[in-house]
C-alpha atoms as a PDB file:
ATOM      1  CA  UNK A   1      -6.315 -10.417  15.113  1.00  0.00           C
ATOM      2  CA  UNK A   2      -2.656 -11.420  15.077  1.00  0.00           C
ATOM      3  CA  UNK A   3      -0.427  -8.370  15.330  1.00  0.00           C
ATOM      4  CA  UNK A   4       3.241  -8.151  14.518  1.00  0.00           C
ATOM      5  CA  UNK A   5       5.665  -8.352  17.448  1.00  0.00           C
ATOM      6  CA  UNK A   6       9.441  -8.024  17.395  1.00  0.00           C
ATOM      7  CA  UNK A   7      11.328 -11.149  18.366  1.00  0.00           C
ATOM      8  CA  UNK A   8      14.438 -11.032  20.536  1.00  0.00           C
ATOM      9  CA  UNK A   9      17.070 -12.669  18.357  1.00  0.00           C
ATOM     10  CA  UNK A  10      20.710 -12.896  19.406  1.00  0.00           C
ATOM     11  CA  UNK A  11      23.544 -11.420  17.301  1.00  0.00           C
ATOM     12  CA  UNK A  12      24.870 -14.051  14.931  1.00  0.00           C
ATOM     13  CA  UNK A  13      28.562 -13.177  15.281  1.00  0.00           C
ATOM     14  CA  UNK A  14      28.468 -13.561  19.058  1.00  0.00           C
ATOM     15  CA  UNK A  15      26.694 -16.915  18.752  1.00  0.00           C
ATOM     16  CA  UNK A  16      29.240 -18.182  16.202  1.00  0.00           C
ATOM     17  CA  UNK A  17      32.068 -17.519  18.643  1.00  0.00           C
ATOM     18  CA  UNK A  18      30.109 -19.099  21.510  1.00  0.00           C
ATOM     19  CA  UNK A  19      29.113 -22.202  19.550  1.00  0.00           C
ATOM     20  CA  UNK A  20      32.654 -22.678  18.251  1.00  0.00           C
ATOM     21  CA  UNK A  21      33.870 -22.706  21.857  1.00  0.00           C
ATOM     22  CA  UNK A  22      31.120 -25.088  22.959  1.00  0.00           C
ATOM     23  CA  UNK A  23      31.764 -27.371  20.006  1.00  0.00           C
ATOM     24  CA  UNK A  24      35.474 -27.615  20.812  1.00  0.00           C
ATOM     25  CA  UNK A  25      34.772 -28.120  24.515  1.00  0.00           C
ATOM     26  CA  UNK A  26      32.216 -30.892  24.061  1.00  0.00           C
ATOM     27  CA  UNK A  27      34.335 -32.779  21.528  1.00  0.00           C
ATOM     28  CA  UNK A  28      37.348 -32.586  23.842  1.00  0.00           C
ATOM     29  CA  UNK A  29      35.288 -33.851  26.791  1.00  0.00           C
ATOM     30  CA  UNK A  30      33.880 -36.741  24.758  1.00  0.00           C
ATOM     31  CA  UNK A  31      37.372 -37.725  23.691  1.00  0.00           C
ATOM     32  CA  UNK A  32      38.685 -37.498  27.255  1.00  0.00           C
ATOM     33  CA  UNK A  33      35.771 -39.569  28.589  1.00  0.00           C
ATOM     34  CA  UNK A  34      36.335 -42.205  25.922  1.00  0.00           C
ATOM     35  CA  UNK A  35      40.033 -42.471  26.802  1.00  0.00           C
ATOM     36  CA  UNK A  36      39.091 -42.792  30.485  1.00  0.00           C
ATOM     37  CA  UNK A  37      36.569 -45.509  29.607  1.00  0.00           C
ATOM     38  CA  UNK A  38      33.841 -43.570  31.456  1.00  0.00           C
ATOM     39  CA  UNK A  39      30.703 -44.826  29.684  1.00  0.00           C
ATOM     40  CA  UNK A  40      28.232 -42.482  31.332  1.00  0.00           C
ATOM     41  CA  UNK A  41      30.461 -39.480  30.700  1.00  0.00           C
ATOM     42  CA  UNK A  42      30.759 -40.468  27.057  1.00  0.00           C
ATOM     43  CA  UNK A  43      26.961 -40.668  26.757  1.00  0.00           C
ATOM     44  CA  UNK A  44      26.429 -37.359  28.535  1.00  0.00           C
ATOM     45  CA  UNK A  45      29.004 -35.439  26.534  1.00  0.00           C
ATOM     46  CA  UNK A  46      27.797 -37.062  23.302  1.00  0.00           C
ATOM     47  CA  UNK A  47      24.340 -35.647  24.005  1.00  0.00           C
ATOM     48  CA  UNK A  48      25.963 -32.249  24.587  1.00  0.00           C
ATOM     49  CA  UNK A  49      27.713 -32.500  21.217  1.00  0.00           C
ATOM     50  CA  UNK A  50      24.356 -33.300  19.584  1.00  0.00           C
ATOM     51  CA  UNK A  51      22.727 -30.299  21.309  1.00  0.00           C
ATOM     52  CA  UNK A  52      25.478 -27.990  20.112  1.00  0.00           C
ATOM     53  CA  UNK A  53      25.120 -29.389  16.582  1.00  0.00           C
ATOM     54  CA  UNK A  54      21.372 -28.655  16.634  1.00  0.00           C
ATOM     55  CA  UNK A  55      22.073 -25.131  17.898  1.00  0.00           C
ATOM     56  CA  UNK A  56      24.027 -24.420  14.710  1.00  0.00           C
ATOM     57  CA  UNK A  57      20.709 -24.550  12.803  1.00  0.00           C
ATOM     58  CA  UNK A  58      19.430 -21.492  14.662  1.00  0.00           C
ATOM     59  CA  UNK A  59      21.223 -18.992  12.411  1.00  0.00           C
ATOM     60  CA  UNK A  60      19.281 -16.976   9.869  1.00  0.00           C
ATOM     61  CA  UNK A  61      19.954 -13.932   7.705  1.00  0.00           C
ATOM     62  CA  UNK A  62      17.680 -10.898   7.327  1.00  0.00           C
ATOM     63  CA  UNK A  63      18.280  -8.955   4.127  1.00  0.00           C
ATOM     64  CA  UNK A  64      17.560  -5.214   3.800  1.00  0.00           C
ATOM     65  CA  UNK A  65      13.847  -4.493   3.381  1.00  0.00           C
ATOM     66  CA  UNK A  66      12.959  -8.082   4.178  1.00  0.00           C
ATOM     67  CA  UNK A  67      11.626  -9.702   7.333  1.00  0.00           C
ATOM     68  CA  UNK A  68      11.789 -13.186   8.804  1.00  0.00           C
ATOM     69  CA  UNK A  69       8.601 -14.428  10.479  1.00  0.00           C
ATOM     70  CA  UNK A  70       9.358 -17.072  13.132  1.00  0.00           C
ATOM     71  CA  UNK A  71       6.977 -19.791  14.311  1.00  0.00           C
ATOM     72  CA  UNK A  72       7.318 -22.571  16.863  1.00  0.00           C
ATOM     73  CA  UNK A  73       5.191 -25.623  16.021  1.00  0.00           C
ATOM     74  CA  UNK A  74       2.647 -23.404  14.254  1.00  0.00           C
ATOM     75  CA  UNK A  75       2.556 -20.681  16.891  1.00  0.00           C
ATOM     76  CA  UNK A  76       3.624 -17.188  15.852  1.00  0.00           C
ATOM     77  CA  UNK A  77       6.613 -16.121  17.935  1.00  0.00           C
ATOM     78  CA  UNK A  78       7.661 -12.810  16.355  1.00  0.00           C
ATOM     79  CA  UNK A  79       9.266 -11.054  13.407  1.00  0.00           C
ATOM     80  CA  UNK A  80      12.885 -10.040  12.830  1.00  0.00           C
ATOM     81  CA  UNK A  81      13.265  -6.977  10.590  1.00  0.00           C
ATOM     82  CA  UNK A  82      16.775  -5.711  11.354  1.00  0.00           C
ATOM     83  CA  UNK A  83      19.188  -6.649   8.568  1.00  0.00           C
ATOM     84  CA  UNK A  84      22.108  -8.915   9.468  1.00  0.00           C
ATOM     85  CA  UNK A  85      23.009 -12.357  10.823  1.00  0.00           C
ATOM     86  CA  UNK A  86      20.929 -13.492  13.804  1.00  0.00           C
ATOM     87  CA  UNK A  87      20.376 -16.552  15.950  1.00  0.00           C
ATOM     88  CA  UNK A  88      17.187 -17.823  17.506  1.00  0.00           C
ATOM     89  CA  UNK A  89      15.710 -21.098  18.691  1.00  0.00           C
ATOM     90  CA  UNK A  90      16.752 -23.695  16.078  1.00  0.00           C
ATOM     91  CA  UNK A  91      13.277 -25.231  16.243  1.00  0.00           C
ATOM     92  CA  UNK A  92      11.722 -22.046  14.895  1.00  0.00           C
ATOM     93  CA  UNK A  93      10.426 -22.245  11.345  1.00  0.00           C
ATOM     94  CA  UNK A  94      11.197 -19.130   9.315  1.00  0.00           C
ATOM     95  CA  UNK A  95       9.266 -17.480   6.498  1.00  0.00           C
ATOM     96  CA  UNK A  96      10.692 -14.586   4.556  1.00  0.00           C
ATOM     97  CA  UNK A  97       8.444 -11.634   3.706  1.00  0.00           C
ATOM     98  CA  UNK A  98       9.409  -8.753   1.432  1.00  0.00           C
ATOM     99  CA  UNK A  99       8.938  -5.252   2.829  1.00  0.00           C
ATOM    100  CA  UNK A 100       9.915  -3.572  -0.415  1.00  0.00           C
ATOM    101  CA  UNK A 101       7.594  -1.266  -2.308  1.00  0.00           C
ATOM    102  CA  UNK A 102       5.721  -3.122  -5.031  1.00  0.00           C
ATOM    103  CA  UNK A 103       3.441  -2.036  -7.832  1.00  0.00           C
ATOM    104  CA  UNK A 104       1.186  -3.644 -10.373  1.00  0.00           C
ATOM    105  CA  UNK A 105      -1.337  -2.612 -13.001  1.00  0.00           C
ATOM    106  CA  UNK A 106      -4.817  -4.046 -12.870  1.00  0.00           C
ATOM    107  CA  UNK A 107      -6.401  -5.639 -15.894  1.00  0.00           C
ATOM    108  CA  UNK A 108      -8.486  -3.403 -18.161  1.00  0.00           C
ATOM    109  CA  UNK A 109     -11.928  -3.692 -16.632  1.00  0.00           C
ATOM    110  CA  UNK A 110     -15.113  -3.082 -18.599  1.00  0.00           C
ATOM    111  CA  UNK A 111     -17.634  -1.428 -16.280  1.00  0.00           C
ATOM    112  CA  UNK A 112     -20.477   1.077 -16.373  1.00  0.00           C
ATOM    113  CA  UNK A 113     -19.853   4.579 -15.091  1.00  0.00           C
ATOM    114  CA  UNK A 114     -22.336   6.618 -13.050  1.00  0.00           C
ATOM    115  CA  UNK A 115     -24.227   7.506 -16.249  1.00  0.00           C
ATOM    116  CA  UNK A 116     -24.448   3.813 -17.223  1.00  0.00           C
ATOM    117  CA  UNK A 117     -22.027   4.269 -20.107  1.00  0.00           C
ATOM    118  CA  UNK A 118     -19.717   1.265 -20.678  1.00  0.00           C
ATOM    119  CA  UNK A 119     -16.087   2.249 -20.170  1.00  0.00           C
ATOM    120  CA  UNK A 120     -12.685   0.577 -19.958  1.00  0.00           C
ATOM    121  CA  UNK A 121     -10.601   1.418 -16.906  1.00  0.00           C
ATOM    122  CA  UNK A 122      -7.338   0.247 -15.327  1.00  0.00           C
ATOM    123  CA  UNK A 123      -5.186   1.515 -12.465  1.00  0.00           C
ATOM    124  CA  UNK A 124      -1.651   1.298 -11.110  1.00  0.00           C
ATOM    125  CA  UNK A 125      -1.416   0.446  -7.404  1.00  0.00           C
ATOM    126  CA  UNK A 126       1.755   0.950  -5.340  1.00  0.00           C
ATOM    127  CA  UNK A 127       1.771  -0.927  -2.027  1.00  0.00           C
ATOM    128  CA  UNK A 128       3.969  -2.253   0.758  1.00  0.00           C
ATOM    129  CA  UNK A 129       3.669  -4.811   3.573  1.00  0.00           C
ATOM    130  CA  UNK A 130       3.823  -3.074   6.953  1.00  0.00           C
ATOM    131  CA  UNK A 131       2.567  -5.827   9.280  1.00  0.00           C
ATOM    132  CA  UNK A 132       4.022  -9.232   8.473  1.00  0.00           C
ATOM    133  CA  UNK A 133       1.828 -11.122  10.943  1.00  0.00           C
ATOM    134  CA  UNK A 134      -1.398  -9.808   9.430  1.00  0.00           C
ATOM    135  CA  UNK A 135      -0.137 -10.388   5.895  1.00  0.00           C
ATOM    136  CA  UNK A 136       0.675 -14.053   6.555  1.00  0.00           C
ATOM    137  CA  UNK A 137      -1.975 -15.115   9.054  1.00  0.00           C
ATOM    138  CA  UNK A 138      -5.053 -12.924   8.509  1.00  0.00           C
ATOM    139  CA  UNK A 139      -5.462 -13.579   4.757  1.00  0.00           C
ATOM    140  CA  UNK A 140      -4.759 -16.687   2.724  1.00  0.00           C
ATOM    141  CA  UNK A 141      -2.515 -15.164   0.035  1.00  0.00           C
ATOM    142  CA  UNK A 142      -1.855 -11.483   0.646  1.00  0.00           C
ATOM    143  CA  UNK A 143      -0.371 -10.882  -2.819  1.00  0.00           C
ATOM    144  CA  UNK A 144      -3.453 -12.233  -4.596  1.00  0.00           C
ATOM    145  CA  UNK A 145      -5.664 -10.536  -2.006  1.00  0.00           C
ATOM    146  CA  UNK A 146      -4.191  -7.145  -2.903  1.00  0.00           C
ATOM    147  CA  UNK A 147      -4.817  -7.710  -6.626  1.00  0.00           C
ATOM    148  CA  UNK A 148      -8.416  -8.875  -6.222  1.00  0.00           C
ATOM    149  CA  UNK A 149      -9.434  -6.175  -3.743  1.00  0.00           C
ATOM    150  CA  UNK A 150      -7.801  -3.443  -5.838  1.00  0.00           C
ATOM    151  CA  UNK A 151      -9.825  -4.455  -8.891  1.00  0.00           C
ATOM    152  CA  UNK A 152     -12.974  -4.603  -6.768  1.00  0.00           C
ATOM    153  CA  UNK A 153     -12.342  -1.085  -5.433  1.00  0.00           C
ATOM    154  CA  UNK A 154     -11.694   0.178  -8.958  1.00  0.00           C
ATOM    155  CA  UNK A 155     -15.002  -1.227 -10.163  1.00  0.00           C
ATOM    156  CA  UNK A 156     -16.844   0.408  -7.296  1.00  0.00           C
ATOM    157  CA  UNK A 157     -15.177   3.753  -7.953  1.00  0.00           C
ATOM    158  CA  UNK A 158     -16.010   3.691 -11.658  1.00  0.00           C
ATOM    159  CA  UNK A 159     -19.688   3.190 -10.793  1.00  0.00           C
ATOM    160  CA  UNK A 160     -19.716   6.288  -8.568  1.00  0.00           C
ATOM    161  CA  UNK A 161     -18.557   8.894 -11.108  1.00  0.00           C
ATOM    162  CA  UNK A 162     -19.305   9.666 -14.760  1.00  0.00           C
ATOM    163  CA  UNK A 163     -16.641   9.562 -17.433  1.00  0.00           C
ATOM    164  CA  UNK A 164     -17.146  13.250 -18.294  1.00  0.00           C
ATOM    165  CA  UNK A 165     -18.644  16.030 -16.202  1.00  0.00           C
ATOM    166  CA  UNK A 166     -22.077  16.972 -17.586  1.00  0.00           C
ATOM    167  CA  UNK A 167     -22.731  19.673 -14.995  1.00  0.00           C
ATOM    168  CA  UNK A 168     -20.544  22.467 -13.702  1.00  0.00           C
ATOM    169  CA  UNK A 169     -18.640  21.415 -10.596  1.00  0.00           C
ATOM    170  CA  UNK A 170     -19.425  17.717 -11.057  1.00  0.00           C
ATOM    171  CA  UNK A 171     -16.520  15.347 -10.331  1.00  0.00           C
ATOM    172  CA  UNK A 172     -15.668  13.080 -13.249  1.00  0.00           C
ATOM    173  CA  UNK A 173     -13.150  10.339 -13.943  1.00  0.00           C
ATOM    174  CA  UNK A 174     -11.541  12.122 -16.891  1.00  0.00           C
ATOM    175  CA  UNK A 175     -11.330  15.648 -15.495  1.00  0.00           C
ATOM    176  CA  UNK A 176     -10.594  15.240 -11.757  1.00  0.00           C
ATOM    177  CA  UNK A 177      -7.620  12.868 -11.853  1.00  0.00           C
ATOM    178  CA  UNK A 178      -6.054  13.956  -8.552  1.00  0.00           C
ATOM    179  CA  UNK A 179      -9.299  13.733  -6.575  1.00  0.00           C
ATOM    180  CA  UNK A 180     -10.184  10.387  -8.155  1.00  0.00           C
ATOM    181  CA  UNK A 181      -6.703   9.038  -7.349  1.00  0.00           C
ATOM    182  CA  UNK A 182      -7.074  10.013  -3.670  1.00  0.00           C
ATOM    183  CA  UNK A 183     -10.530   8.443  -3.549  1.00  0.00           C
ATOM    184  CA  UNK A 184      -9.274   5.231  -5.161  1.00  0.00           C
ATOM    185  CA  UNK A 185      -6.327   5.028  -2.767  1.00  0.00           C
ATOM    186  CA  UNK A 186      -8.656   5.411   0.235  1.00  0.00           C
ATOM    187  CA  UNK A 187     -11.059   2.719  -0.970  1.00  0.00           C
ATOM    188  CA  UNK A 188      -8.278   0.224  -1.666  1.00  0.00           C
ATOM    189  CA  UNK A 189      -6.656   0.921   1.708  1.00  0.00           C
ATOM    190  CA  UNK A 190      -9.976   0.352   3.465  1.00  0.00           C
ATOM    191  CA  UNK A 191     -10.341  -3.046   1.802  1.00  0.00           C
ATOM    192  CA  UNK A 192      -6.758  -4.031   2.654  1.00  0.00           C
ATOM    193  CA  UNK A 193      -6.911  -2.998   6.314  1.00  0.00           C
ATOM    194  CA  UNK A 194      -6.856  -6.632   7.479  1.00  0.00           C
ATOM    195  CA  UNK A 195      -3.975  -7.688   5.251  1.00  0.00           C
ATOM    196  CA  UNK A 196      -1.190  -5.676   6.902  1.00  0.00           C
ATOM    197  CA  UNK A 197      -0.677  -3.693   3.693  1.00  0.00           C
ATOM    198  CA  UNK A 198      -0.294   0.052   3.179  1.00  0.00           C
ATOM    199  CA  UNK A 199      -1.280   1.584  -0.153  1.00  0.00           C
ATOM    200  CA  UNK A 200       1.225   4.261  -1.138  1.00  0.00           C
ATOM    201  CA  UNK A 201      -0.384   5.359  -4.389  1.00  0.00           C
ATOM    202  CA  UNK A 202      -3.269   4.417  -6.648  1.00  0.00           C
ATOM    203  CA  UNK A 203      -3.803   6.147  -9.964  1.00  0.00           C
ATOM    204  CA  UNK A 204      -5.879   5.460 -13.084  1.00  0.00           C
ATOM    205  CA  UNK A 205      -3.583   4.378 -15.921  1.00  0.00           C
ATOM    206  CA  UNK A 206      -6.164   3.687 -18.648  1.00  0.00           C
ATOM    207  CA  UNK A 207      -9.538   5.286 -19.209  1.00  0.00           C
ATOM    208  CA  UNK A 208     -11.607   5.079 -22.390  1.00  0.00           C
ATOM    209  CA  UNK A 209     -15.125   4.504 -23.593  1.00  0.00           C
ATOM    210  CA  UNK A 210     -15.931   0.942 -24.591  1.00  0.00           C
ATOM    211  CA  UNK A 211     -15.454   0.303 -28.343  1.00  0.00           C
ATOM    212  CA  UNK A 212     -19.197  -0.033 -29.017  1.00  0.00           C
ATOM    213  CA  UNK A 213     -19.899   3.571 -27.978  1.00  0.00           C
ATOM    214  CA  UNK A 214     -16.506   5.184 -28.542  1.00  0.00           C
ATOM    215  CA  UNK A 215     -17.464   6.665 -31.939  1.00  0.00           C
ATOM    216  CA  UNK A 216     -20.722   8.117 -30.620  1.00  0.00           C
ATOM    217  CA  UNK A 217     -19.033   9.616 -27.570  1.00  0.00           C
ATOM    218  CA  UNK A 218     -16.304  11.097 -29.773  1.00  0.00           C
ATOM    219  CA  UNK A 219     -18.922  12.927 -31.822  1.00  0.00           C
ATOM    220  CA  UNK A 220     -20.527  14.082 -28.602  1.00  0.00           C
ATOM    221  CA  UNK A 221     -17.221  15.447 -27.326  1.00  0.00           C
ATOM    222  CA  UNK A 222     -16.603  17.160 -30.670  1.00  0.00           C
ATOM    223  CA  UNK A 223     -20.058  18.725 -30.532  1.00  0.00           C
ATOM    224  CA  UNK A 224     -19.432  19.963 -27.002  1.00  0.00           C
ATOM    225  CA  UNK A 225     -16.119  21.457 -28.100  1.00  0.00           C
ATOM    226  CA  UNK A 226     -17.753  23.191 -31.087  1.00  0.00           C
ATOM    227  CA  UNK A 227     -20.495  24.603 -28.876  1.00  0.00           C
ATOM    228  CA  UNK A 228     -17.956  25.880 -26.364  1.00  0.00           C
ATOM    229  CA  UNK A 229     -15.892  27.466 -29.150  1.00  0.00           C
ATOM    230  CA  UNK A 230     -18.975  29.087 -30.691  1.00  0.00           C
ATOM    231  CA  UNK A 231     -20.009  30.463 -27.327  1.00  0.00           C
ATOM    232  CA  UNK A 232     -16.548  31.960 -26.878  1.00  0.00           C
ATOM    233  CA  UNK A 233     -16.630  33.498 -30.364  1.00  0.00           C
ATOM    234  CA  UNK A 234     -20.079  34.996 -29.817  1.00  0.00           C
ATOM    235  CA  UNK A 235     -19.076  36.439 -26.439  1.00  0.00           C
ATOM    236  CA  UNK A 236     -16.022  38.048 -28.017  1.00  0.00           C
ATOM    237  CA  UNK A 237     -17.971  39.355 -30.998  1.00  0.00           C
ATOM    238  CA  UNK A 238     -20.655  40.921 -28.810  1.00  0.00           C
ATOM    239  CA  UNK A 239     -17.980  42.625 -26.743  1.00  0.00           C
ATOM    240  CA  UNK A 240     -16.263  43.993 -29.848  1.00  0.00           C
ATOM    241  CA  UNK A 241     -19.543  45.300 -31.283  1.00  0.00           C
ATOM    242  CA  UNK A 242     -20.426  46.900 -27.975  1.00  0.00           C
ATOM    243  CA  UNK A 243     -17.022  48.554 -27.832  1.00  0.00           C
ATOM    244  CA  UNK A 244     -17.301  49.785 -31.432  1.00  0.00           C
ATOM    245  CA  UNK A 245     -20.709  51.383 -30.835  1.00  0.00           C
ATOM    246  CA  UNK A 246     -19.512  52.971 -27.604  1.00  0.00           C
ATOM    247  CA  UNK A 247     -16.455  54.508 -29.294  1.00  0.00           C
ATOM    248  CA  UNK A 248     -18.511  55.831 -32.253  1.00  0.00           C
ATOM    249  CA  UNK A 249     -20.935  57.456 -29.843  1.00  0.00           C
ATOM    250  CA  UNK A 250     -18.226  58.773 -27.532  1.00  0.00           C
ATOM    251  CA  UNK A 251     -16.080  60.310 -30.273  1.00  0.00           C
ATOM    252  CA  UNK A 252     -19.173  61.476 -32.212  1.00  0.00           C
ATOM    253  CA  UNK A 253     -17.782  60.139 -35.461  1.00  0.00           C
ATOM    254  CA  UNK A 254     -21.237  59.376 -36.821  1.00  0.00           C
ATOM    255  CA  UNK A 255     -24.750  59.372 -35.395  1.00  0.00           C
ATOM    256  CA  UNK A 256     -26.831  56.274 -36.103  1.00  0.00           C
ATOM    257  CA  UNK A 257     -30.493  55.669 -35.437  1.00  0.00           C
ATOM    258  CA  UNK A 258     -31.711  52.415 -33.955  1.00  0.00           C
ATOM    259  CA  UNK A 259     -32.368  50.821 -37.331  1.00  0.00           C
ATOM    260  CA  UNK A 260     -28.849  51.595 -38.593  1.00  0.00           C
ATOM    261  CA  UNK A 261     -27.341  50.414 -35.334  1.00  0.00           C
ATOM    262  CA  UNK A 262     -29.189  47.111 -35.729  1.00  0.00           C
ATOM    263  CA  UNK A 263     -27.900  46.748 -39.282  1.00  0.00           C
ATOM    264  CA  UNK A 264     -24.350  47.543 -38.160  1.00  0.00           C
ATOM    265  CA  UNK A 265     -24.556  45.041 -35.312  1.00  0.00           C
ATOM    266  CA  UNK A 266     -25.862  42.372 -37.684  1.00  0.00           C
ATOM    267  CA  UNK A 267     -23.082  42.994 -40.198  1.00  0.00           C
ATOM    268  CA  UNK A 268     -20.363  43.000 -37.555  1.00  0.00           C
ATOM    269  CA  UNK A 269     -21.629  39.783 -36.000  1.00  0.00           C
ATOM    270  CA  UNK A 270     -21.683  38.103 -39.402  1.00  0.00           C
ATOM    271  CA  UNK A 271     -18.100  39.190 -40.047  1.00  0.00           C
ATOM    272  CA  UNK A 272     -16.809  38.243 -36.610  1.00  0.00           C
ATOM    273  CA  UNK A 273     -18.668  34.946 -36.191  1.00  0.00           C
ATOM    274  CA  UNK A 274     -18.360  33.572 -39.696  1.00  0.00           C
ATOM    275  CA  UNK A 275     -16.097  30.562 -40.195  1.00  0.00           C
ATOM    276  CA  UNK A 276     -15.052  31.757 -43.639  1.00  0.00           C
ATOM    277  CA  UNK A 277     -13.704  35.107 -44.752  1.00  0.00           C
ATOM    278  CA  UNK A 278     -16.496  37.519 -45.681  1.00  0.00           C
ATOM    279  CA  UNK A 279     -16.464  39.698 -48.789  1.00  0.00           C
ATOM    280  CA  UNK A 280     -16.867  43.397 -47.904  1.00  0.00           C
ATOM    281  CA  UNK A 281     -19.198  45.686 -49.877  1.00  0.00           C
ATOM    282  CA  UNK A 282     -17.956  49.253 -50.185  1.00  0.00           C
ATOM    283  CA  UNK A 283     -20.689  51.888 -50.055  1.00  0.00           C
ATOM    284  CA  UNK A 284     -19.733  54.848 -52.269  1.00  0.00           C
ATOM    285  CA  UNK A 285     -23.066  56.607 -51.998  1.00  0.00           C
ATOM    286  CA  UNK A 286     -24.575  58.662 -49.214  1.00  0.00           C
ATOM    287  CA  UNK A 287     -24.674  57.719 -45.571  1.00  0.00           C
ATOM    288  CA  UNK A 288     -27.797  55.580 -45.980  1.00  0.00           C
ATOM    289  CA  UNK A 289     -27.438  54.382 -49.583  1.00  0.00           C
END
């Protein structure tokens, strides 16, 4: 694998001063040789002028959070990351690579979750190039590579977990967002290990049942919510009835046999668990009539 190495570039300001001096010197020597009618000197100093002129093409600028990858006749020579004006071999070819943080949102993918239910899912991926040599030379197009591998990892993740948790403690796409995000980030990073890219964040941005089963799943979720609410109401009602019986017995307000206790429990549960307001019946007779 080709790994990133730092190239030894010379400071641009120093080279400007040096090349200005060399340019003036060589032009003066060519002129002097021409006036002296020294043919070989003219040829020699003319070649020096040409060499200095070529050297002027060795300057390049590195902007903040960018890098310049330098090659010599196809061979990777190194990367310059420090911002500023630099000079290197004028025969180097230079390719600029952005080191800035980037993000994109995947397309809405239609996949099957762990329970084989069709769902729509999309994710936002935040990434950054950390090894310019790998990004340019290990994959064909690292930008497209990141997009394709991210969608592939998202598909694989959606197949591993159900949309909703059907068992207690089960990890699901809708309920365990933080854990799913960490898992997605790890899977994308594993796929991009050869591309010189670091994944900073990966998080699901869209999650829904596919349109053909959305209505059915909505009724299922509503039924689950109703069942959970009913269970909560019943638990509270039983506790209130238990407390009422305990206080009646403790304070000896009235003594009830088992049959009357059962009737009282039934009436209280009806009152407490009913969805609509109940109409009370006032007993003006004896204790049992």
